[in-house]
């Protein structure tokens, strides 16, 4: 994991600790902060940050809800 992804993940983890003990307002499973951590670990700072930002932008009262996993990492394709 890149240093930038680690820094972003540390920021999310700090948010989780500060917000701990309060009920989660998130409409999705996993919660938005867990989704962000998983996306950063799986996809790195740029793509994982993009996935986390997209997820947060969908989190409002008129959006859908339910299970919304992080997209799996894709294998590099071989062009032959």
PDB file of N, CA and C in Angstrom:
ATOM      1  N   UNK A   1       0.850  -1.165   0.000  1.00  0.00           N
ATOM      2  CA  UNK A   1       0.000   0.000   0.000  1.00  0.00           C
ATOM      3  C   UNK A   1       0.902   1.236   0.000  1.00  0.00           C
ATOM      4  N   UNK A   2       0.539   2.221  -0.788  1.00  0.00           N
ATOM      5  CA  UNK A   2       1.348   3.429  -0.911  1.00  0.00           C
ATOM      6  C   UNK A   2       1.262   4.276   0.362  1.00  0.00           C
ATOM      7  N   UNK A   3       2.237   5.151   0.587  1.00  0.00           N
ATOM      8  CA  UNK A   3       2.197   6.024   1.768  1.00  0.00           C
ATOM      9  C   UNK A   3       0.960   6.925   1.790  1.00  0.00           C
ATOM     10  N   UNK A   4       0.511   7.373   0.627  1.00  0.00           N
ATOM     11  CA  UNK A   4      -0.687   8.224   0.583  1.00  0.00           C
ATOM     12  C   UNK A   4      -1.918   7.423   0.988  1.00  0.00           C
ATOM     13  N   UNK A   5      -2.030   6.192   0.506  1.00  0.00           N
ATOM     14  CA  UNK A   5      -3.160   5.337   0.885  1.00  0.00           C
ATOM     15  C   UNK A   5      -3.134   5.056   2.385  1.00  0.00           C
ATOM     16  N   UNK A   6      -1.948   4.854   2.944  1.00  0.00           N
ATOM     17  CA  UNK A   6      -1.842   4.630   4.390  1.00  0.00           C
ATOM     18  C   UNK A   6      -2.272   5.863   5.174  1.00  0.00           C
ATOM     19  N   UNK A   7      -1.905   7.036   4.687  1.00  0.00           N
ATOM     20  CA  UNK A   7      -2.299   8.276   5.351  1.00  0.00           C
ATOM     21  C   UNK A   7      -3.813   8.462   5.301  1.00  0.00           C
ATOM     22  N   UNK A   8      -4.410   8.196   4.149  1.00  0.00           N
ATOM     23  CA  UNK A   8      -5.863   8.298   4.024  1.00  0.00           C
ATOM     24  C   UNK A   8      -6.562   7.282   4.921  1.00  0.00           C
ATOM     25  N   UNK A   9      -6.029   6.063   4.947  1.00  0.00           N
ATOM     26  CA  UNK A   9      -6.612   5.025   5.804  1.00  0.00           C
ATOM     27  C   UNK A   9      -6.515   5.422   7.272  1.00  0.00           C
ATOM     28  N   UNK A  10      -5.388   6.019   7.671  1.00  0.00           N
ATOM     29  CA  UNK A  10      -5.230   6.474   9.056  1.00  0.00           C
ATOM     30  C   UNK A  10      -6.260   7.552   9.387  1.00  0.00           C
ATOM     31  N   UNK A  11      -6.550   8.429   8.433  1.00  0.00           N
ATOM     32  CA  UNK A  11      -7.578   9.450   8.653  1.00  0.00           C
ATOM     33  C   UNK A  11      -8.952   8.846   8.862  1.00  0.00           C
ATOM     34  N   UNK A  12      -9.278   7.832   8.080  1.00  0.00           N
ATOM     35  CA  UNK A  12     -10.573   7.156   8.239  1.00  0.00           C
ATOM     36  C   UNK A  12     -10.620   6.429   9.579  1.00  0.00           C
ATOM     37  N   UNK A  13      -9.529   5.766   9.943  1.00  0.00           N
ATOM     38  CA  UNK A  13      -9.481   5.055  11.232  1.00  0.00           C
ATOM     39  C   UNK A  13      -9.644   6.031  12.396  1.00  0.00           C
ATOM     40  N   UNK A  14      -9.036   7.229  12.288  1.00  0.00           N
ATOM     41  CA  UNK A  14      -9.183   8.231  13.343  1.00  0.00           C
ATOM     42  C   UNK A  14     -10.648   8.671  13.442  1.00  0.00           C
ATOM     43  N   UNK A  15     -11.292   8.870  12.297  1.00  0.00           N
ATOM     44  CA  UNK A  15     -12.712   9.206  12.297  1.00  0.00           C
ATOM     45  C   UNK A  15     -13.520   8.111  12.987  1.00  0.00           C
ATOM     46  N   UNK A  16     -13.207   6.843  12.687  1.00  0.00           N
ATOM     47  CA  UNK A  16     -13.941   5.736  13.293  1.00  0.00           C
ATOM     48  C   UNK A  16     -13.794   5.741  14.809  1.00  0.00           C
ATOM     49  N   UNK A  17     -12.591   6.034  15.302  1.00  0.00           N
ATOM     50  CA  UNK A  17     -12.384   6.070  16.753  1.00  0.00           C
ATOM     51  C   UNK A  17     -13.134   7.229  17.394  1.00  0.00           C
ATOM     52  N   UNK A  18     -13.118   8.393  16.738  1.00  0.00           N
ATOM     53  CA  UNK A  18     -13.805   9.560  17.290  1.00  0.00           C
ATOM     54  C   UNK A  18     -15.318   9.395  17.247  1.00  0.00           C
ATOM     55  N   UNK A  19     -15.821   8.714  16.237  1.00  0.00           N
ATOM     56  CA  UNK A  19     -17.263   8.515  16.097  1.00  0.00           C
ATOM     57  C   UNK A  19     -17.739   7.251  16.797  1.00  0.00           C
ATOM     58  N   UNK A  20     -16.831   6.499  17.399  1.00  0.00           N
ATOM     59  CA  UNK A  20     -17.192   5.245  18.056  1.00  0.00           C
ATOM     60  C   UNK A  20     -18.204   5.447  19.172  1.00  0.00           C
ATOM     61  N   UNK A  21     -19.086   4.499  19.307  1.00  0.00           N
ATOM     62  CA  UNK A  21     -20.094   4.558  20.358  1.00  0.00           C
ATOM     63  C   UNK A  21     -21.407   5.169  19.901  1.00  0.00           C
ATOM     64  N   UNK A  22     -21.387   5.872  18.785  1.00  0.00           N
ATOM     65  CA  UNK A  22     -22.626   6.441  18.258  1.00  0.00           C
ATOM     66  C   UNK A  22     -23.212   5.480  17.229  1.00  0.00           C
ATOM     67  N   UNK A  23     -24.526   5.440  17.119  1.00  0.00           N
ATOM     68  CA  UNK A  23     -25.116   4.575  16.093  1.00  0.00           C
ATOM     69  C   UNK A  23     -24.753   5.085  14.696  1.00  0.00           C
ATOM     70  N   UNK A  24     -24.513   4.169  13.793  1.00  0.00           N
ATOM     71  CA  UNK A  24     -24.123   4.533  12.431  1.00  0.00           C
ATOM     72  C   UNK A  24     -25.335   5.012  11.640  1.00  0.00           C
ATOM     73  N   UNK A  25     -25.240   6.189  11.018  1.00  0.00           N
ATOM     74  CA  UNK A  25     -26.349   6.661  10.181  1.00  0.00           C
ATOM     75  C   UNK A  25     -26.303   6.090   8.765  1.00  0.00           C
ATOM     76  N   UNK A  26     -25.308   5.258   8.482  1.00  0.00           N
ATOM     77  CA  UNK A  26     -25.101   4.766   7.121  1.00  0.00           C
ATOM     78  C   UNK A  26     -26.229   3.817   6.711  1.00  0.00           C
ATOM     79  N   UNK A  27     -26.675   3.980   5.476  1.00  0.00           N
ATOM     80  CA  UNK A  27     -27.750   3.158   4.934  1.00  0.00           C
ATOM     81  C   UNK A  27     -27.226   1.880   4.282  1.00  0.00           C
ATOM     82  N   UNK A  28     -25.926   1.786   4.150  1.00  0.00           N
ATOM     83  CA  UNK A  28     -25.319   0.666   3.438  1.00  0.00           C
ATOM     84  C   UNK A  28     -24.576  -0.264   4.382  1.00  0.00           C
ATOM     85  N   UNK A  29     -24.358  -1.481   3.907  1.00  0.00           N
ATOM     86  CA  UNK A  29     -23.506  -2.448   4.582  1.00  0.00           C
ATOM     87  C   UNK A  29     -22.419  -2.839   3.602  1.00  0.00           C
ATOM     88  N   UNK A  30     -21.173  -2.748   3.926  1.00  0.00           N
ATOM     89  CA  UNK A  30     -20.573  -2.235   5.154  1.00  0.00           C
ATOM     90  C   UNK A  30     -20.737  -0.721   5.252  1.00  0.00           C
ATOM     91  N   UNK A  31     -20.481  -0.186   6.446  1.00  0.00           N
ATOM     92  CA  UNK A  31     -20.621   1.257   6.643  1.00  0.00           C
ATOM     93  C   UNK A  31     -19.678   1.997   5.703  1.00  0.00           C
ATOM     94  N   UNK A  32     -19.934   3.273   5.502  1.00  0.00           N
ATOM     95  CA  UNK A  32     -19.125   4.058   4.557  1.00  0.00           C
ATOM     96  C   UNK A  32     -17.659   4.107   4.970  1.00  0.00           C
ATOM     97  N   UNK A  33     -17.383   4.189   6.273  1.00  0.00           N
ATOM     98  CA  UNK A  33     -15.979   4.248   6.695  1.00  0.00           C
ATOM     99  C   UNK A  33     -15.286   2.895   6.495  1.00  0.00           C
ATOM    100  N   UNK A  34     -15.968   1.795   6.764  1.00  0.00           N
ATOM    101  CA  UNK A  34     -15.379   0.479   6.495  1.00  0.00           C
ATOM    102  C   UNK A  34     -15.178   0.268   4.995  1.00  0.00           C
ATOM    103  N   UNK A  35     -16.120   0.746   4.207  1.00  0.00           N
ATOM    104  CA  UNK A  35     -16.002   0.674   2.750  1.00  0.00           C
ATOM    105  C   UNK A  35     -14.763   1.438   2.292  1.00  0.00           C
ATOM    106  N   UNK A  36     -14.548   2.641   2.846  1.00  0.00           N
ATOM    107  CA  UNK A  36     -13.393   3.458   2.465  1.00  0.00           C
ATOM    108  C   UNK A  36     -12.086   2.754   2.811  1.00  0.00           C
ATOM    109  N   UNK A  37     -12.001   2.175   4.005  1.00  0.00           N
ATOM    110  CA  UNK A  37     -10.780   1.466   4.406  1.00  0.00           C
ATOM    111  C   UNK A  37     -10.523   0.294   3.468  1.00  0.00           C
ATOM    112  N   UNK A  38     -11.549  -0.487   3.186  1.00  0.00           N
ATOM    113  CA  UNK A  38     -11.380  -1.646   2.304  1.00  0.00           C
ATOM    114  C   UNK A  38     -10.998  -1.212   0.888  1.00  0.00           C
ATOM    115  N   UNK A  39     -11.624  -0.147   0.389  1.00  0.00           N
ATOM    116  CA  UNK A  39     -11.302   0.338  -0.955  1.00  0.00           C
ATOM    117  C   UNK A  39      -9.860   0.822  -1.031  1.00  0.00           C
ATOM    118  N   UNK A  40      -9.391   1.526  -0.004  1.00  0.00           N
ATOM    119  CA  UNK A  40      -8.007   2.006   0.011  1.00  0.00           C
ATOM    120  C   UNK A  40      -7.022   0.846   0.075  1.00  0.00           C
ATOM    121  N   UNK A  41      -7.333  -0.167   0.883  1.00  0.00           N
ATOM    122  CA  UNK A  41      -6.439  -1.317   1.000  1.00  0.00           C
ATOM    123  C   UNK A  41      -6.409  -2.146  -0.283  1.00  0.00           C
ATOM    124  N   UNK A  42      -7.543  -2.254  -0.940  1.00  0.00           N
ATOM    125  CA  UNK A  42      -7.654  -3.108  -2.120  1.00  0.00           C
ATOM    126  C   UNK A  42      -7.192  -2.418  -3.404  1.00  0.00           C
ATOM    127  N   UNK A  43      -7.499  -1.122  -3.528  1.00  0.00           N
ATOM    128  CA  UNK A  43      -7.273  -0.419  -4.790  1.00  0.00           C
ATOM    129  C   UNK A  43      -6.247   0.706  -4.721  1.00  0.00           C
ATOM    130  N   UNK A  44      -5.760   1.059  -3.539  1.00  0.00           N
ATOM    131  CA  UNK A  44      -4.785   2.140  -3.438  1.00  0.00           C
ATOM    132  C   UNK A  44      -5.435   3.499  -3.279  1.00  0.00           C
ATOM    133  N   UNK A  45      -4.602   4.538  -3.247  1.00  0.00           N
ATOM    134  CA  UNK A  45      -5.067   5.887  -2.922  1.00  0.00           C
ATOM    135  C   UNK A  45      -5.983   6.476  -3.992  1.00  0.00           C
ATOM    136  N   UNK A  46      -5.620   6.362  -5.246  1.00  0.00           N
ATOM    137  CA  UNK A  46      -6.381   7.041  -6.297  1.00  0.00           C
ATOM    138  C   UNK A  46      -7.715   6.343  -6.555  1.00  0.00           C
ATOM    139  N   UNK A  47      -7.670   5.085  -6.951  1.00  0.00           N
ATOM    140  CA  UNK A  47      -8.911   4.374  -7.266  1.00  0.00           C
ATOM    141  C   UNK A  47      -9.734   4.111  -5.998  1.00  0.00           C
ATOM    142  N   UNK A  48      -9.082   3.721  -4.904  1.00  0.00           N
ATOM    143  CA  UNK A  48      -9.809   3.498  -3.653  1.00  0.00           C
ATOM    144  C   UNK A  48     -10.441   4.774  -3.128  1.00  0.00           C
ATOM    145  N   UNK A  49      -9.711   5.892  -3.249  1.00  0.00           N
ATOM    146  CA  UNK A  49     -10.277   7.185  -2.853  1.00  0.00           C
ATOM    147  C   UNK A  49     -11.469   7.567  -3.707  1.00  0.00           C
ATOM    148  N   UNK A  50     -11.392   7.237  -5.005  1.00  0.00           N
ATOM    149  CA  UNK A  50     -12.512   7.513  -5.903  1.00  0.00           C
ATOM    150  C   UNK A  50     -13.734   6.677  -5.516  1.00  0.00           C
ATOM    151  N   UNK A  51     -13.530   5.393  -5.244  1.00  0.00           N
ATOM    152  CA  UNK A  51     -14.650   4.546  -4.821  1.00  0.00           C
ATOM    153  C   UNK A  51     -15.272   5.069  -3.523  1.00  0.00           C
ATOM    154  N   UNK A  52     -14.436   5.470  -2.569  1.00  0.00           N
ATOM    155  CA  UNK A  52     -14.948   5.981  -1.291  1.00  0.00           C
ATOM    156  C   UNK A  52     -15.729   7.277  -1.496  1.00  0.00           C
ATOM    157  N   UNK A  53     -15.226   8.164  -2.355  1.00  0.00           N
ATOM    158  CA  UNK A  53     -15.923   9.423  -2.633  1.00  0.00           C
ATOM    159  C   UNK A  53     -17.263   9.163  -3.301  1.00  0.00           C
ATOM    160  N   UNK A  54     -17.293   8.240  -4.260  1.00  0.00           N
ATOM    161  CA  UNK A  54     -18.563   7.888  -4.916  1.00  0.00           C
ATOM    162  C   UNK A  54     -19.563   7.337  -3.914  1.00  0.00           C
ATOM    163  N   UNK A  55     -19.087   6.495  -3.016  1.00  0.00           N
ATOM    164  CA  UNK A  55     -19.976   5.907  -2.008  1.00  0.00           C
ATOM    165  C   UNK A  55     -20.549   6.988  -1.098  1.00  0.00           C
ATOM    166  N   UNK A  56     -19.696   7.907  -0.626  1.00  0.00           N
ATOM    167  CA  UNK A  56     -20.170   8.982   0.244  1.00  0.00           C
ATOM    168  C   UNK A  56     -21.171   9.880  -0.475  1.00  0.00           C
ATOM    169  N   UNK A  57     -20.996  10.090  -1.765  1.00  0.00           N
ATOM    170  CA  UNK A  57     -21.928  10.943  -2.507  1.00  0.00           C
ATOM    171  C   UNK A  57     -23.294  10.279  -2.676  1.00  0.00           C
ATOM    172  N   UNK A  58     -23.345   8.960  -2.562  1.00  0.00           N
ATOM    173  CA  UNK A  58     -24.628   8.245  -2.654  1.00  0.00           C
ATOM    174  C   UNK A  58     -25.334   8.140  -1.316  1.00  0.00           C
ATOM    175  N   UNK A  59     -24.698   8.554  -0.256  1.00  0.00           N
ATOM    176  CA  UNK A  59     -25.260   8.386   1.085  1.00  0.00           C
ATOM    177  C   UNK A  59     -26.135   9.586   1.438  1.00  0.00           C
ATOM    178  N   UNK A  60     -27.407   9.502   1.094  1.00  0.00           N
ATOM    179  CA  UNK A  60     -28.385  10.539   1.418  1.00  0.00           C
ATOM    180  C   UNK A  60     -29.751   9.871   1.567  1.00  0.00           C
ATOM    181  N   UNK A  61     -30.721  10.579   2.131  1.00  0.00           N
ATOM    182  CA  UNK A  61     -32.013   9.941   2.438  1.00  0.00           C
ATOM    183  C   UNK A  61     -32.759   9.375   1.235  1.00  0.00           C
ATOM    184  N   UNK A  62     -32.491   9.852   0.033  1.00  0.00           N
ATOM    185  CA  UNK A  62     -33.239   9.404  -1.135  1.00  0.00           C
ATOM    186  C   UNK A  62     -32.510   8.326  -1.931  1.00  0.00           C
ATOM    187  N   UNK A  63     -31.395   7.858  -1.428  1.00  0.00           N
ATOM    188  CA  UNK A  63     -30.632   6.830  -2.147  1.00  0.00           C
ATOM    189  C   UNK A  63     -31.128   5.441  -1.762  1.00  0.00           C
ATOM    190  N   UNK A  64     -30.588   4.455  -2.447  1.00  0.00           N
ATOM    191  CA  UNK A  64     -30.930   3.079  -2.094  1.00  0.00           C
ATOM    192  C   UNK A  64     -30.212   2.700  -0.800  1.00  0.00           C
ATOM    193  N   UNK A  65     -30.349   1.459  -0.407  1.00  0.00           N
ATOM    194  CA  UNK A  65     -29.703   0.988   0.815  1.00  0.00           C
ATOM    195  C   UNK A  65     -29.437  -0.504   0.660  1.00  0.00           C
ATOM    196  N   UNK A  66     -28.721  -1.061   1.627  1.00  0.00           N
ATOM    197  CA  UNK A  66     -28.450  -2.492   1.597  1.00  0.00           C
ATOM    198  C   UNK A  66     -26.982  -2.804   1.413  1.00  0.00           C
ATOM    199  N   UNK A  67     -26.716  -4.010   0.947  1.00  0.00           N
ATOM    200  CA  UNK A  67     -25.353  -4.495   0.789  1.00  0.00           C
ATOM    201  C   UNK A  67     -24.726  -3.870  -0.451  1.00  0.00           C
ATOM    202  N   UNK A  68     -23.578  -3.227  -0.271  1.00  0.00           N
ATOM    203  CA  UNK A  68     -22.868  -2.558  -1.365  1.00  0.00           C
ATOM    204  C   UNK A  68     -21.372  -2.778  -1.170  1.00  0.00           C
ATOM    205  N   UNK A  69     -20.827  -3.891  -1.667  1.00  0.00           N
ATOM    206  CA  UNK A  69     -19.411  -4.202  -1.436  1.00  0.00           C
ATOM    207  C   UNK A  69     -18.484  -3.381  -2.332  1.00  0.00           C
ATOM    208  N   UNK A  70     -17.223  -3.333  -1.943  1.00  0.00           N
ATOM    209  CA  UNK A  70     -16.184  -2.717  -2.769  1.00  0.00           C
ATOM    210  C   UNK A  70     -15.978  -3.605  -3.992  1.00  0.00           C
ATOM    211  N   UNK A  71     -15.887  -3.012  -5.193  1.00  0.00           N
ATOM    212  CA  UNK A  71     -15.620  -3.841  -6.374  1.00  0.00           C
ATOM    213  C   UNK A  71     -14.287  -4.573  -6.228  1.00  0.00           C
ATOM    214  N   UNK A  72     -14.213  -5.806  -6.690  1.00  0.00           N
ATOM    215  CA  UNK A  72     -12.956  -6.559  -6.558  1.00  0.00           C
ATOM    216  C   UNK A  72     -11.862  -5.964  -7.434  1.00  0.00           C
ATOM    217  N   UNK A  73     -10.632  -6.170  -7.004  1.00  0.00           N
ATOM    218  CA  UNK A  73      -9.486  -5.731  -7.801  1.00  0.00           C
ATOM    219  C   UNK A  73      -9.414  -6.586  -9.054  1.00  0.00           C
ATOM    220  N   UNK A  74      -9.105  -5.953 -10.156  1.00  0.00           N
ATOM    221  CA  UNK A  74      -9.025  -6.685 -11.417  1.00  0.00           C
ATOM    222  C   UNK A  74      -7.594  -7.110 -11.674  1.00  0.00           C
ATOM    223  N   UNK A  75      -7.467  -8.284 -12.242  1.00  0.00           N
ATOM    224  CA  UNK A  75      -6.151  -8.786 -12.635  1.00  0.00           C
ATOM    225  C   UNK A  75      -5.667  -7.967 -13.826  1.00  0.00           C
ATOM    226  N   UNK A  76      -4.375  -7.679 -13.894  1.00  0.00           N
ATOM    227  CA  UNK A  76      -3.873  -6.997 -15.090  1.00  0.00           C
ATOM    228  C   UNK A  76      -4.075  -7.880 -16.318  1.00  0.00           C
ATOM    229  N   UNK A  77      -4.566  -7.288 -17.379  1.00  0.00           N
ATOM    230  CA  UNK A  77      -4.819  -8.082 -18.586  1.00  0.00           C
ATOM    231  C   UNK A  77      -3.546  -8.205 -19.409  1.00  0.00           C
ATOM    232  N   UNK A  78      -3.439  -9.312 -20.083  1.00  0.00           N
ATOM    233  CA  UNK A  78      -2.286  -9.556 -20.955  1.00  0.00           C
ATOM    234  C   UNK A  78      -2.698  -9.222 -22.381  1.00  0.00           C
ATOM    235  N   UNK A  79      -1.993  -8.318 -22.987  1.00  0.00           N
ATOM    236  CA  UNK A  79      -2.261  -7.975 -24.377  1.00  0.00           C
ATOM    237  C   UNK A  79      -1.207  -8.657 -25.233  1.00  0.00           C
ATOM    238  N   UNK A  80      -1.617  -9.679 -25.946  1.00  0.00           N
ATOM    239  CA  UNK A  80      -0.657 -10.401 -26.790  1.00  0.00           C
ATOM    240  C   UNK A  80      -1.123 -10.433 -28.213  1.00  0.00           C
TER     241      UNK A  80
END
